[in-house]
Amino acid sequence: MARYGAVRKRYERRFEGSLANVALPGGRQRDASPHLGFVRLRTHAMDEARRMTSRLRQVWSSVVRGTASKPVGNPVRSDTERDRRTASVELRHSTGPGARPATESQASRAAAGSARPDAQQGTAGGAEPDLQSFRLFLKEFQDSFPDKQYGWTKGKERSCNWLLSRVPAGAMGVDVGGTEYLCRKLSEKGCNVTYFDLVAPVTYKNHVQDDMFNILRHFPERSLDFITTRHTLEHSLVPMYQLWAYNRLLKDDGKLLVIVPMANKRWVWFTTHFSCLPYENWLMLFYRTGYKIEECDAGTWSAGRSDFVEFRFALSVETRRLRLTGPR
């Protein structure tokens, strides 16, 4: 319980400052301390407590079995090493003085032992991806995709206004996910903005109708001043690839403006959400795809509803390379 309390307090401190600014109806500000129950993320702490309990049970079970002091190796590697030793012994028996002719099973095991390290190295070292199977998955995914309609509410203008205030006048960019209100407002600022989405806009003329996965087909690398993506990344099957692609399209001083919903049961299980991730996961993805967080904030697009909370990020390009290790 002490561990659970420490984890909960850590998350409370992280979000208390930003989410205290979520507006209530009438423009009133939400007082942070008594109203932050919905952002204390108790589920995260409980999950961590469950994982720790599960680990303790595993350790206890191994102690009871008397195997706690034995190192746990890679089963594939240990099998490989055992087969190689067996093949080596059999080879010595078959080639030394007084050797017996190798049986067919011995020869096959020896061949397998010598071939298996290469196969294992190929698997771990970056074998060609199975694109044919992935295409089959995408075909089934597209055939199963629900016909979902997304409505517009006045409250969504709050998200758009946060984005609008961070895009300089006259800039050139793309709104991935396609929000006509945002594109019109950016155009009024003198921006050259392309509406990019699977669904064509009703009235906005400058648009590309395609999946966000294919965005690199439509714009030259390092050509955009900004990319906005409001409530769109959580719909991606591969958000890490998506962020990497945006990095390639932005100029050196370009900005990526991201808004995603807070992970809770409502949005994690939303029909077309496949990557509605916790806050820390987004920080990890931003870092690993080369971004620096210039600003992070939180807000709502439906005042008075505790599960309608969104995270807002302003990002700049820090490196063009993936960083697959953690920050030091």
Protein backbone atom coordinates (compact mmCIF):
# COMPACT_ATOMS: atom_id res chain seq x y z
CA MET A 1 0.00 0.00 0.00
CA ALA A 2 2.91 2.34 0.67
CA ARG A 3 4.12 1.71 -2.87
CA TYR A 4 0.63 2.39 -4.25
CA GLY A 5 0.44 5.68 -2.33
CA ALA A 6 3.81 6.85 -3.63
CA VAL A 7 2.86 6.09 -7.24
CA ARG A 8 -0.48 7.85 -6.89
CA LYS A 9 1.11 10.98 -5.43
CA ARG A 10 3.62 11.07 -8.27
CA TYR A 11 0.87 11.15 -10.89
CA GLU A 12 -1.13 13.69 -8.90
CA ARG A 13 1.80 16.11 -8.83
CA ARG A 14 2.45 15.61 -12.55
CA PHE A 15 -1.01 16.64 -13.70
CA GLU A 16 -2.25 18.91 -10.95
CA GLY A 17 -0.74 22.08 -12.35
CA SER A 18 -1.89 21.70 -15.96
CA LEU A 19 -5.33 20.26 -15.37
CA ALA A 20 -6.21 22.91 -12.80
CA ASN A 21 -6.73 25.22 -15.78
CA VAL A 22 -9.58 23.18 -17.26
CA ALA A 23 -12.51 25.57 -17.52
CA LEU A 24 -15.94 24.95 -16.09
CA PRO A 25 -19.13 26.30 -17.70
CA GLY A 26 -19.32 30.08 -17.48
CA GLY A 27 -15.57 30.51 -17.73
CA ARG A 28 -14.91 29.56 -14.11
CA GLN A 29 -11.65 27.77 -13.39
CA ARG A 30 -11.57 24.38 -11.78
CA ASP A 31 -9.90 24.39 -8.38
CA ALA A 32 -7.15 21.79 -8.58
CA SER A 33 -7.07 20.11 -5.19
CA PRO A 34 -10.68 19.02 -4.54
CA HIS A 35 -11.60 18.22 -8.15
CA LEU A 36 -8.66 16.20 -9.40
CA GLY A 37 -9.95 12.78 -8.46
CA PHE A 38 -10.59 11.99 -12.08
CA VAL A 39 -6.97 12.69 -13.06
CA ARG A 40 -5.23 10.91 -10.25
CA LEU A 41 -4.90 7.95 -12.55
CA ARG A 42 -5.55 5.39 -9.86
CA THR A 43 -5.65 2.67 -12.47
CA HIS A 44 -1.97 3.24 -13.31
CA ALA A 45 -0.96 2.87 -9.69
CA MET A 46 -3.14 -0.21 -9.27
CA ASP A 47 -1.63 -1.79 -12.39
CA GLU A 48 1.85 -1.15 -11.07
CA ALA A 49 0.91 -2.67 -7.72
CA ARG A 50 -0.51 -5.73 -9.49
CA ARG A 51 2.67 -6.15 -11.54
CA MET A 52 4.80 -5.94 -8.40
CA THR A 53 2.59 -8.51 -6.63
CA SER A 54 2.82 -10.83 -9.63
CA ARG A 55 6.60 -10.53 -9.64
CA LEU A 56 6.81 -11.30 -5.92
CA ARG A 57 4.71 -14.43 -6.47
CA GLN A 58 7.04 -15.56 -9.24
CA VAL A 59 10.10 -15.06 -7.04
CA TRP A 60 8.47 -16.90 -4.14
CA SER A 61 7.51 -19.81 -6.40
CA SER A 62 11.08 -20.07 -7.65
CA VAL A 63 12.40 -20.04 -4.07
CA VAL A 64 10.04 -22.86 -3.12
CA ARG A 65 11.22 -24.88 -6.09
CA GLY A 66 14.81 -24.22 -5.11
CA THR A 67 15.66 -22.50 -8.38
CA ALA A 68 15.86 -18.88 -7.28
CA SER A 69 19.66 -18.85 -7.34
CA LYS A 70 19.90 -20.28 -10.84
CA PRO A 71 20.25 -17.76 -13.67
CA VAL A 72 17.38 -17.78 -16.13
CA GLY A 73 18.76 -17.85 -19.65
CA ASN A 74 17.31 -17.39 -23.09
CA PRO A 75 15.65 -20.75 -23.86
CA VAL A 76 16.38 -20.43 -27.56
CA ARG A 77 20.02 -19.63 -26.91
CA SER A 78 20.47 -22.45 -24.39
CA ASP A 79 18.88 -24.97 -26.78
CA THR A 80 21.19 -23.74 -29.53
CA GLU A 81 24.28 -24.03 -27.37
CA ARG A 82 23.25 -27.54 -26.21
CA ASP A 83 22.70 -28.69 -29.78
CA ARG A 84 26.05 -27.24 -30.84
CA ARG A 85 27.81 -29.09 -28.02
CA THR A 86 26.01 -32.31 -28.92
CA ALA A 87 26.94 -31.89 -32.57
CA SER A 88 30.55 -31.20 -31.62
CA VAL A 89 30.77 -34.36 -29.48
CA GLU A 90 29.17 -36.45 -32.22
CA LEU A 91 31.53 -34.96 -34.78
CA ARG A 92 34.56 -35.86 -32.65
CA HIS A 93 33.26 -39.42 -32.29
CA SER A 94 32.78 -39.66 -36.04
CA THR A 95 36.21 -38.29 -37.04
CA GLY A 96 38.62 -39.41 -34.30
CA PRO A 97 40.61 -42.66 -34.05
CA GLY A 98 38.30 -45.67 -34.00
CA ALA A 99 35.38 -43.51 -35.08
CA ARG A 100 31.99 -45.02 -35.71
CA PRO A 101 30.09 -44.01 -38.87
CA ALA A 102 27.61 -41.29 -38.09
CA THR A 103 23.99 -42.30 -38.26
CA GLU A 104 21.51 -40.30 -40.33
CA SER A 105 19.94 -38.79 -37.20
CA GLN A 106 23.37 -37.74 -35.88
CA ALA A 107 24.26 -36.11 -39.18
CA SER A 108 20.98 -34.24 -39.34
CA ARG A 109 21.35 -33.01 -35.74
CA ALA A 110 24.89 -31.86 -36.46
CA ALA A 111 23.74 -29.98 -39.54
CA ALA A 112 20.88 -28.40 -37.61
CA GLY A 113 23.23 -27.40 -34.81
CA SER A 114 25.58 -25.64 -37.18
CA ALA A 115 22.76 -23.95 -39.10
CA ARG A 116 20.61 -22.79 -36.18
CA PRO A 117 22.95 -19.99 -34.93
CA ASP A 118 22.84 -18.36 -38.34
CA ALA A 119 19.05 -18.58 -38.43
CA GLN A 120 18.80 -17.14 -34.94
CA GLN A 121 21.16 -14.32 -35.87
CA GLY A 122 19.05 -13.56 -38.93
CA THR A 123 15.88 -13.34 -36.85
CA ALA A 124 17.37 -11.12 -34.17
CA GLY A 125 19.50 -9.08 -36.52
CA GLY A 126 16.77 -7.74 -38.79
CA ALA A 127 15.38 -10.28 -41.22
CA GLU A 128 13.18 -8.97 -44.00
CA PRO A 129 9.71 -8.09 -42.64
CA ASP A 130 6.82 -10.30 -43.67
CA LEU A 131 5.04 -7.66 -45.73
CA GLN A 132 2.79 -10.20 -47.40
CA SER A 133 1.20 -11.16 -44.08
CA PHE A 134 0.98 -7.52 -43.09
CA ARG A 135 -0.93 -6.76 -46.30
CA LEU A 136 -3.35 -9.56 -45.45
CA PHE A 137 -3.83 -8.02 -42.01
CA LEU A 138 -4.47 -4.59 -43.54
CA LYS A 139 -6.99 -6.08 -45.96
CA GLU A 140 -8.91 -7.70 -43.10
CA PHE A 141 -8.60 -4.52 -41.07
CA GLN A 142 -10.06 -2.40 -43.88
CA ASP A 143 -12.88 -4.88 -44.49
CA SER A 144 -13.76 -4.85 -40.78
CA PHE A 145 -13.43 -1.12 -40.25
CA PRO A 146 -16.67 0.39 -38.88
CA ASP A 147 -18.54 3.16 -40.63
CA LYS A 148 -18.08 5.81 -37.95
CA GLN A 149 -19.31 9.39 -38.22
CA TYR A 150 -17.63 12.12 -36.16
CA GLY A 151 -19.73 15.12 -35.18
CA TRP A 152 -18.66 18.68 -34.46
CA THR A 153 -19.36 20.45 -31.20
CA LYS A 154 -18.75 24.01 -30.13
CA GLY A 155 -16.44 22.79 -27.39
CA LYS A 156 -13.97 21.44 -29.96
CA GLU A 157 -13.14 25.02 -30.86
CA ARG A 158 -11.16 25.15 -27.59
CA SER A 159 -8.70 22.59 -28.96
CA CYS A 160 -8.49 24.41 -32.28
CA ASN A 161 -7.88 27.78 -30.64
CA TRP A 162 -4.95 26.32 -28.71
CA LEU A 163 -3.46 25.18 -32.02
CA LEU A 164 -4.25 28.45 -33.80
CA SER A 165 -2.37 30.51 -31.24
CA ARG A 166 0.81 28.49 -31.85
CA VAL A 167 0.95 28.61 -35.66
CA PRO A 168 2.62 31.76 -37.04
CA ALA A 169 0.86 33.79 -39.72
CA GLY A 170 1.84 32.98 -43.28
CA ALA A 171 3.24 29.53 -42.45
CA MET A 172 2.81 26.47 -44.67
CA GLY A 173 1.64 23.23 -43.19
CA VAL A 174 -0.78 20.32 -42.98
CA ASP A 175 -3.65 19.50 -40.67
CA VAL A 176 -3.61 15.71 -40.39
CA GLY A 177 -7.01 14.40 -39.45
CA GLY A 178 -8.85 17.17 -41.20
CA THR A 179 -10.62 19.80 -39.10
CA GLU A 180 -12.36 22.25 -41.44
CA TYR A 181 -12.84 24.87 -38.72
CA LEU A 182 -9.11 24.86 -37.99
CA CYS A 183 -8.13 24.99 -41.67
CA ARG A 184 -10.42 27.94 -42.34
CA LYS A 185 -9.10 29.86 -39.34
CA LEU A 186 -5.49 29.17 -40.35
CA SER A 187 -6.23 30.35 -43.87
CA GLU A 188 -7.64 33.58 -42.43
CA LYS A 189 -4.22 34.06 -40.77
CA GLY A 190 -2.59 33.85 -44.18
CA CYS A 191 -1.36 30.27 -43.75
CA ASN A 192 -1.13 27.81 -46.63
CA VAL A 193 -2.66 24.75 -44.95
CA THR A 194 -3.65 21.43 -46.48
CA TYR A 195 -6.55 19.43 -45.06
CA PHE A 196 -5.36 15.78 -44.94
CA ASP A 197 -7.78 12.96 -44.11
CA LEU A 198 -9.44 9.82 -45.43
CA VAL A 199 -12.73 11.71 -45.60
CA ALA A 200 -12.93 14.70 -47.95
CA PRO A 201 -13.96 18.06 -46.43
CA VAL A 202 -17.39 19.50 -47.09
CA THR A 203 -16.34 22.99 -48.19
CA TYR A 204 -12.57 23.40 -47.77
CA LYS A 205 -10.86 23.21 -51.17
CA ASN A 206 -7.17 22.55 -50.48
CA HIS A 207 -7.23 18.94 -49.37
CA VAL A 208 -5.63 15.52 -49.81
CA GLN A 209 -7.85 12.46 -49.34
CA ASP A 210 -5.66 9.63 -48.11
CA ASP A 211 -4.68 7.67 -45.01
CA MET A 212 -2.20 9.46 -42.73
CA PHE A 213 0.10 6.43 -43.09
CA ASN A 214 0.78 7.55 -46.69
CA ILE A 215 1.61 11.18 -45.93
CA LEU A 216 5.19 10.92 -47.18
CA ARG A 217 3.84 10.31 -50.69
CA HIS A 218 2.31 13.78 -50.86
CA PHE A 219 4.87 16.29 -49.52
CA PRO A 220 8.62 16.77 -50.00
CA GLU A 221 10.88 16.15 -47.03
CA ARG A 222 11.67 19.18 -44.83
CA SER A 223 9.09 21.30 -46.63
CA LEU A 224 6.55 22.13 -43.88
CA ASP A 225 6.57 24.86 -41.24
CA PHE A 226 4.01 23.05 -39.11
CA ILE A 227 1.86 19.94 -38.79
CA THR A 228 -1.25 19.93 -36.62
CA THR A 229 -2.91 16.70 -35.58
CA ARG A 230 -5.90 16.98 -33.28
CA HIS A 231 -7.35 13.73 -31.90
CA THR A 232 -5.82 11.74 -34.75
CA LEU A 233 -2.69 9.91 -33.56
CA GLU A 234 -4.77 7.67 -31.28
CA HIS A 235 -6.41 6.32 -34.48
CA SER A 236 -3.04 5.19 -35.87
CA LEU A 237 -1.97 1.55 -35.94
CA VAL A 238 1.69 2.59 -35.79
CA PRO A 239 2.03 5.97 -34.03
CA MET A 240 5.82 5.64 -33.80
CA TYR A 241 6.07 5.42 -37.59
CA GLN A 242 3.60 8.29 -37.94
CA LEU A 243 5.70 10.58 -35.74
CA TRP A 244 8.85 9.54 -37.60
CA ALA A 245 7.18 10.47 -40.91
CA TYR A 246 6.17 13.91 -39.58
CA ASN A 247 9.78 14.46 -38.49
CA ARG A 248 10.94 13.93 -42.07
CA LEU A 249 8.42 16.45 -43.44
CA LEU A 250 9.14 19.31 -41.03
CA LYS A 251 11.72 22.00 -41.67
CA ASP A 252 14.56 22.35 -39.18
CA ASP A 253 12.58 25.01 -37.31
CA GLY A 254 9.22 23.34 -37.95
CA LYS A 255 6.64 22.59 -35.26
CA LEU A 256 4.48 19.55 -34.61
CA LEU A 257 1.34 20.34 -32.60
CA VAL A 258 -0.34 17.26 -31.14
CA ILE A 259 -3.59 16.84 -29.19
CA VAL A 260 -4.63 13.41 -27.92
CA PRO A 261 -7.25 12.29 -25.39
CA MET A 262 -6.26 11.14 -21.94
CA ALA A 263 -6.25 7.35 -21.74
CA ASN A 264 -9.32 6.16 -19.87
CA LYS A 265 -11.82 3.38 -20.42
CA ARG A 266 -14.06 5.54 -22.61
CA TRP A 267 -11.34 6.52 -25.10
CA VAL A 268 -9.16 3.41 -24.99
CA TRP A 269 -12.17 1.35 -26.11
CA PHE A 270 -13.54 3.92 -28.53
CA THR A 271 -14.46 2.18 -31.79
CA THR A 272 -11.66 3.54 -33.99
CA HIS A 273 -8.99 4.15 -31.33
CA PHE A 274 -6.05 1.75 -31.59
CA SER A 275 -3.31 3.74 -29.83
CA CYS A 276 -4.96 5.72 -27.04
CA LEU A 277 -1.91 5.73 -24.80
CA PRO A 278 -1.00 6.94 -21.30
CA TYR A 279 0.85 10.21 -20.93
CA GLU A 280 4.26 8.60 -20.33
CA ASN A 281 3.96 6.56 -23.52
CA TRP A 282 3.50 9.72 -25.57
CA LEU A 283 6.59 11.26 -23.96
CA MET A 284 8.53 8.12 -24.86
CA LEU A 285 7.35 8.16 -28.50
CA PHE A 286 8.13 11.85 -28.92
CA TYR A 287 11.64 11.35 -27.58
CA ARG A 288 12.38 8.24 -29.62
CA THR A 289 11.21 9.83 -32.88
CA GLY A 290 13.49 12.82 -32.43
CA TYR A 291 11.34 15.56 -30.91
CA LYS A 292 11.89 18.04 -28.12
CA ILE A 293 8.84 19.02 -26.06
CA GLU A 294 8.58 22.79 -26.10
CA GLU A 295 5.25 22.95 -24.29
CA CYS A 296 2.75 20.54 -22.77
CA ASP A 297 -0.70 21.38 -21.48
CA ALA A 298 -4.06 19.81 -20.74
CA GLY A 299 -7.62 20.89 -21.29
CA THR A 300 -11.09 19.74 -22.22
CA TRP A 301 -13.40 19.93 -25.19
CA SER A 302 -16.51 19.30 -23.09
CA ALA A 303 -16.61 21.28 -19.84
CA GLY A 304 -18.03 19.48 -16.83
CA ARG A 305 -17.28 15.95 -18.17
CA SER A 306 -14.39 14.44 -16.25
CA ASP A 307 -13.44 11.91 -18.94
CA PHE A 308 -13.23 14.50 -21.75
CA VAL A 309 -9.64 15.51 -20.98
CA GLU A 310 -6.95 15.96 -23.63
CA PHE A 311 -3.18 16.37 -23.60
CA ARG A 312 -1.66 19.09 -25.78
CA PHE A 313 1.96 19.12 -26.97
CA ALA A 314 4.04 21.60 -28.95
CA LEU A 315 7.11 19.80 -30.35
CA SER A 316 10.20 20.84 -32.27
CA VAL A 317 12.66 18.69 -34.22
CA GLU A 318 15.72 17.92 -32.10
CA THR A 319 17.24 15.15 -34.24
CA ARG A 320 16.41 13.38 -37.49
CA ARG A 321 17.40 9.98 -36.14
CA LEU A 322 15.49 7.53 -33.98
CA ARG A 323 16.61 7.38 -30.35
CA LEU A 324 15.76 3.90 -29.15
CA THR A 325 17.46 4.25 -25.79
CA GLY A 326 16.05 6.31 -22.95
CA PRO A 327 17.13 9.88 -22.19
CA ARG A 328 20.14 10.20 -19.92
